[in-house]
N, C-alpha and C. Protein backbone atom coordinates (compact mmCIF):
# COMPACT_ATOMS: atom_id res chain seq x y z
N MET A 1 6.76 10.12 -16.69
CA MET A 1 8.40 9.49 -17.10
C MET A 1 8.33 7.65 -16.32
N ALA A 2 9.01 7.17 -17.87
CA ALA A 2 8.81 5.71 -17.02
C ALA A 2 10.31 4.75 -16.46
N VAL A 3 10.12 3.93 -15.91
CA VAL A 3 11.22 4.26 -14.55
C VAL A 3 11.17 2.77 -15.17
N SER A 4 12.44 1.59 -15.00
CA SER A 4 12.52 0.30 -14.78
C SER A 4 12.71 -0.23 -14.01
N VAL A 5 12.42 -1.22 -13.26
CA VAL A 5 13.36 -1.74 -11.67
C VAL A 5 12.77 -3.12 -12.20
N ARG A 6 14.32 -3.80 -11.43
CA ARG A 6 14.73 -5.20 -11.83
C ARG A 6 13.82 -5.76 -10.45
N LEU A 7 12.93 -7.00 -10.37
CA LEU A 7 12.33 -7.49 -8.62
C LEU A 7 12.87 -8.58 -8.98
N ASP A 8 13.18 -9.19 -8.13
CA ASP A 8 13.28 -10.85 -7.31
C ASP A 8 12.01 -11.18 -7.70
N PRO A 9 11.76 -12.39 -8.54
CA PRO A 9 11.14 -13.72 -8.97
C PRO A 9 10.06 -13.58 -8.04
N VAL A 10 10.37 -14.15 -6.88
CA VAL A 10 9.28 -13.98 -6.04
C VAL A 10 8.73 -12.65 -5.45
N ILE A 11 9.07 -11.34 -5.39
CA ILE A 11 8.10 -10.58 -5.15
C ILE A 11 7.92 -10.02 -6.70
N GLU A 12 7.87 -10.33 -8.01
CA GLU A 12 7.27 -10.42 -8.89
C GLU A 12 6.05 -10.82 -8.99
N ALA A 13 6.53 -12.45 -8.64
CA ALA A 13 4.89 -13.10 -8.53
C ALA A 13 4.15 -12.49 -7.48
N LYS A 14 4.24 -12.21 -6.28
CA LYS A 14 3.78 -11.70 -5.07
C LYS A 14 2.70 -10.92 -5.89
N LEU A 15 3.44 -9.89 -5.90
CA LEU A 15 2.96 -8.36 -6.75
C LEU A 15 2.40 -8.33 -8.16
N THR A 16 2.48 -9.55 -8.47
CA THR A 16 1.20 -10.36 -9.54
C THR A 16 -0.23 -10.37 -8.89
N GLN A 17 -0.26 -11.29 -8.14
CA GLN A 17 -0.82 -12.00 -7.72
C GLN A 17 -1.91 -11.02 -6.71
N GLN A 18 -1.31 -10.32 -5.64
CA GLN A 18 -2.14 -9.00 -5.54
C GLN A 18 -3.13 -7.80 -6.16
N ALA A 19 -1.87 -7.59 -7.34
CA ALA A 19 -2.40 -7.02 -7.83
C ALA A 19 -4.07 -7.10 -8.60
N THR A 20 -3.90 -8.81 -9.34
CA THR A 20 -4.98 -9.50 -9.86
C THR A 20 -5.76 -9.26 -8.62
N LEU A 21 -5.63 -9.98 -7.39
CA LEU A 21 -6.83 -10.12 -6.34
C LEU A 21 -7.45 -8.26 -6.40
N LEU A 22 -7.05 -7.10 -6.21
CA LEU A 22 -7.50 -5.88 -6.02
C LEU A 22 -7.80 -5.50 -7.58
N GLY A 23 -7.93 -6.23 -8.83
CA GLY A 23 -8.44 -5.70 -10.05
C GLY A 23 -8.00 -4.43 -9.96
N ILE A 24 -6.16 -4.16 -10.33
CA ILE A 24 -5.75 -3.60 -10.77
C ILE A 24 -4.60 -4.22 -11.30
N THR A 25 -3.81 -3.15 -12.44
CA THR A 25 -2.74 -3.81 -12.92
C THR A 25 -1.04 -3.45 -12.30
N LYS A 26 -0.28 -4.16 -12.41
CA LYS A 26 0.67 -4.07 -11.45
C LYS A 26 1.50 -2.77 -11.40
N SER A 27 1.43 -1.70 -12.66
CA SER A 27 1.54 -0.33 -13.01
C SER A 27 1.07 0.04 -11.46
N ASP A 28 -0.11 0.53 -10.90
CA ASP A 28 -1.30 1.53 -10.69
C ASP A 28 -1.33 0.55 -9.09
N PHE A 29 -0.42 -0.66 -9.00
CA PHE A 29 -0.81 -1.00 -7.40
C PHE A 29 1.31 -0.31 -6.93
N ILE A 30 1.77 -0.60 -8.13
CA ILE A 30 2.98 0.19 -7.57
C ILE A 30 3.45 1.73 -7.40
N LYS A 31 2.38 2.34 -8.41
CA LYS A 31 1.84 3.68 -8.19
C LYS A 31 1.67 3.81 -6.76
N ASP A 32 0.48 3.36 -6.66
CA ASP A 32 0.33 3.73 -5.16
C ASP A 32 0.63 2.88 -4.10
N ALA A 33 1.76 2.12 -4.38
CA ALA A 33 2.49 1.94 -2.95
C ALA A 33 4.19 3.34 -3.03
N ILE A 34 3.93 3.53 -4.26
CA ILE A 34 5.36 4.43 -3.76
C ILE A 34 4.51 5.80 -3.25
N GLU A 35 3.66 6.45 -3.40
CA GLU A 35 2.40 7.62 -3.44
C GLU A 35 2.27 7.31 -1.24
N ARG A 36 1.87 5.78 -1.52
CA ARG A 36 2.01 5.67 0.07
C ARG A 36 3.24 6.22 0.82
N VAL A 37 4.08 5.75 0.37
CA VAL A 37 5.32 5.58 1.13
C VAL A 37 5.77 7.31 1.58
N LEU A 38 6.06 7.64 -0.20
CA LEU A 38 6.18 9.19 0.04
C LEU A 38 5.29 10.63 0.96
N GLY A 39 4.18 9.59 1.31
CA GLY A 39 3.57 10.26 2.54
C GLY A 39 2.06 11.34 1.03
N ILE A 40 2.18 11.27 0.36
CA ILE A 40 1.59 12.24 -1.06
C ILE A 40 0.06 11.39 -0.76
N LYS A 41 -0.05 10.33 -0.77
CA LYS A 41 -1.03 9.17 -0.37
C LYS A 41 -1.51 8.37 0.85
N ASN A 42 -2.43 9.15 1.45
CA ASN A 42 -2.53 8.80 2.89
C ASN A 42 -3.91 8.06 3.33
N PRO A 43 -3.78 6.84 3.50
CA PRO A 43 -5.52 5.95 3.22
C PRO A 43 -6.01 6.61 4.72
N ALA A 44 -5.60 6.73 5.40
CA ALA A 44 -6.52 7.53 6.48
C ALA A 44 -6.89 8.95 6.41
N THR A 45 -6.63 9.62 5.02
CA THR A 45 -7.03 11.23 4.99
C THR A 45 -7.92 10.18 4.12
N LEU A 46 -7.89 9.79 2.97
CA LEU A 46 -8.77 9.50 2.24
C LEU A 46 -9.88 8.29 3.02
N LEU A 47 -9.37 7.94 3.69
CA LEU A 47 -11.14 7.55 4.89
C LEU A 47 -12.03 8.30 5.11
N LYS A 48 -11.34 9.30 6.02
CA LYS A 48 -11.50 9.96 6.41
C LYS A 48 -12.96 11.33 5.82
N GLN A 49 -11.96 11.52 4.37
CA GLN A 49 -12.95 12.08 3.02
C GLN A 49 -14.43 11.58 3.19
N VAL A 50 -13.93 10.88 2.72
CA VAL A 50 -15.12 9.30 2.02
C VAL A 50 -16.30 9.51 2.95
N ARG A 51 -15.76 9.00 4.76
CA ARG A 51 -16.81 8.99 5.65
C ARG A 51 -17.25 10.74 6.04
N SER A 52 -16.49 11.30 5.93
CA SER A 52 -17.34 12.76 5.78
C SER A 52 -18.24 12.80 5.18
N ASN A 53 -19.09 12.83 3.43
CA ASN A 53 -19.43 13.05 2.88
C ASN A 53 -21.33 12.26 3.72
N GLY A 54 -21.23 11.91 4.53
CA GLY A 54 -21.67 10.92 5.16
C GLY A 54 -23.01 9.82 4.36
N LYS A 55 -23.55 9.10 4.49
CA LYS A 55 -23.97 7.74 4.76
C LYS A 55 -23.83 6.87 3.11
N MET A 56 -23.25 6.11 3.09
CA MET A 56 -22.55 5.33 1.49
C MET A 56 -23.01 3.67 1.23
N GLY A 57 -23.75 3.66 -0.12
CA GLY A 57 -24.52 2.58 -0.30
C GLY A 57 -25.62 2.15 0.78
N ARG A 58 -26.32 1.41 0.58
CA ARG A 58 -27.46 1.31 1.43
C ARG A 58 -27.19 0.75 3.04
N PRO A 59 -27.33 1.52 3.39
CA PRO A 59 -27.23 1.07 5.16
C PRO A 59 -28.13 -0.23 5.04
N HIS A 60 -29.66 -0.17 4.45
CA HIS A 60 -29.65 -1.33 5.43
C HIS A 60 -29.57 -2.67 4.56
N ALA A 61 -29.11 -2.90 3.50
CA ALA A 61 -28.88 -3.77 2.46
C ALA A 61 -28.42 -5.05 3.40
N SER A 62 -28.38 -4.72 4.19
CA SER A 62 -27.87 -6.68 5.47
C SER A 62 -28.98 -6.80 6.15
N ALA A 63 -29.77 -6.14 6.05
CA ALA A 63 -31.37 -6.04 6.60
C ALA A 63 -31.59 -7.98 6.61
N ASN A 64 -32.02 -8.19 5.45
CA ASN A 64 -32.74 -9.57 5.13
C ASN A 64 -31.80 -10.00 4.10
N VAL A 65 -30.92 -10.40 4.41
CA VAL A 65 -30.40 -11.12 3.52
C VAL A 65 -30.79 -12.67 3.07
N SER A 66 -31.08 -13.57 4.53
CA SER A 66 -31.65 -14.74 3.97
C SER A 66 -32.47 -14.34 3.87
N ALA A 67 -33.39 -13.94 3.45
CA ALA A 67 -34.97 -13.72 3.01
C ALA A 67 -35.20 -13.53 1.49
N THR A 68 -33.93 -12.58 1.56
CA THR A 68 -33.71 -11.90 0.37
C THR A 68 -32.80 -13.18 -0.85
N MET A 69 -32.08 -13.93 -0.73
CA MET A 69 -31.25 -15.13 -1.05
C MET A 69 -31.99 -16.15 -1.44
N LYS A 70 -33.22 -16.78 -0.33
CA LYS A 70 -34.27 -17.59 -0.66
C LYS A 70 -35.23 -17.30 -1.95
N ALA A 71 -35.48 -16.03 -1.79
CA ALA A 71 -36.60 -15.16 -2.33
C ALA A 71 -36.05 -15.40 -4.11
N ARG A 72 -34.51 -15.04 -4.54
CA ARG A 72 -33.84 -14.69 -5.27
C ARG A 72 -33.90 -16.51 -5.87
N LEU A 73 -33.35 -17.16 -5.26
CA LEU A 73 -33.08 -18.75 -4.98
C LEU A 73 -34.70 -19.62 -6.02
N ARG A 74 -35.46 -19.15 -5.06
CA ARG A 74 -37.12 -19.70 -5.59
C ARG A 74 -37.28 -19.62 -6.89
N ALA A 75 -36.95 -18.30 -7.28
CA ALA A 75 -37.27 -17.63 -8.64
C ALA A 75 -36.89 -17.99 -9.84
N LYS A 76 -35.16 -18.40 -8.92
CA LYS A 76 -35.05 -19.51 -10.11
C LYS A 76 -34.80 -20.31 -10.69
N ARG A 77 -35.71 -21.28 -9.52
CA ARG A 77 -36.26 -22.71 -9.21
C ARG A 77 -37.37 -22.80 -8.56
N PRO A 78 -38.59 -22.66 -9.73
CA PRO A 78 -40.17 -23.06 -8.63
C PRO A 78 -40.24 -23.82 -8.43
N ASP A 79 -39.28 -25.02 -8.26
CA ASP A 79 -39.93 -26.40 -7.94
C ASP A 79 -40.68 -26.69 -6.89
């Protein structure tokens, strides 16, 4: 169902800025905010669900960041 809402220009500018920063549409940003306010979507519950599935990503990814970056830079510029 489509709903139309008039926003103050300052609020609309902040909405646009935050949605762009998050890489989502303004519509998705608004829907997410409404779901959270109505208690349909609880960020804490979502976080618990994600964490309960075990380790995520690469747990040792930050172990040798400096050495990895130096190697990548040297590979690009073998001076």
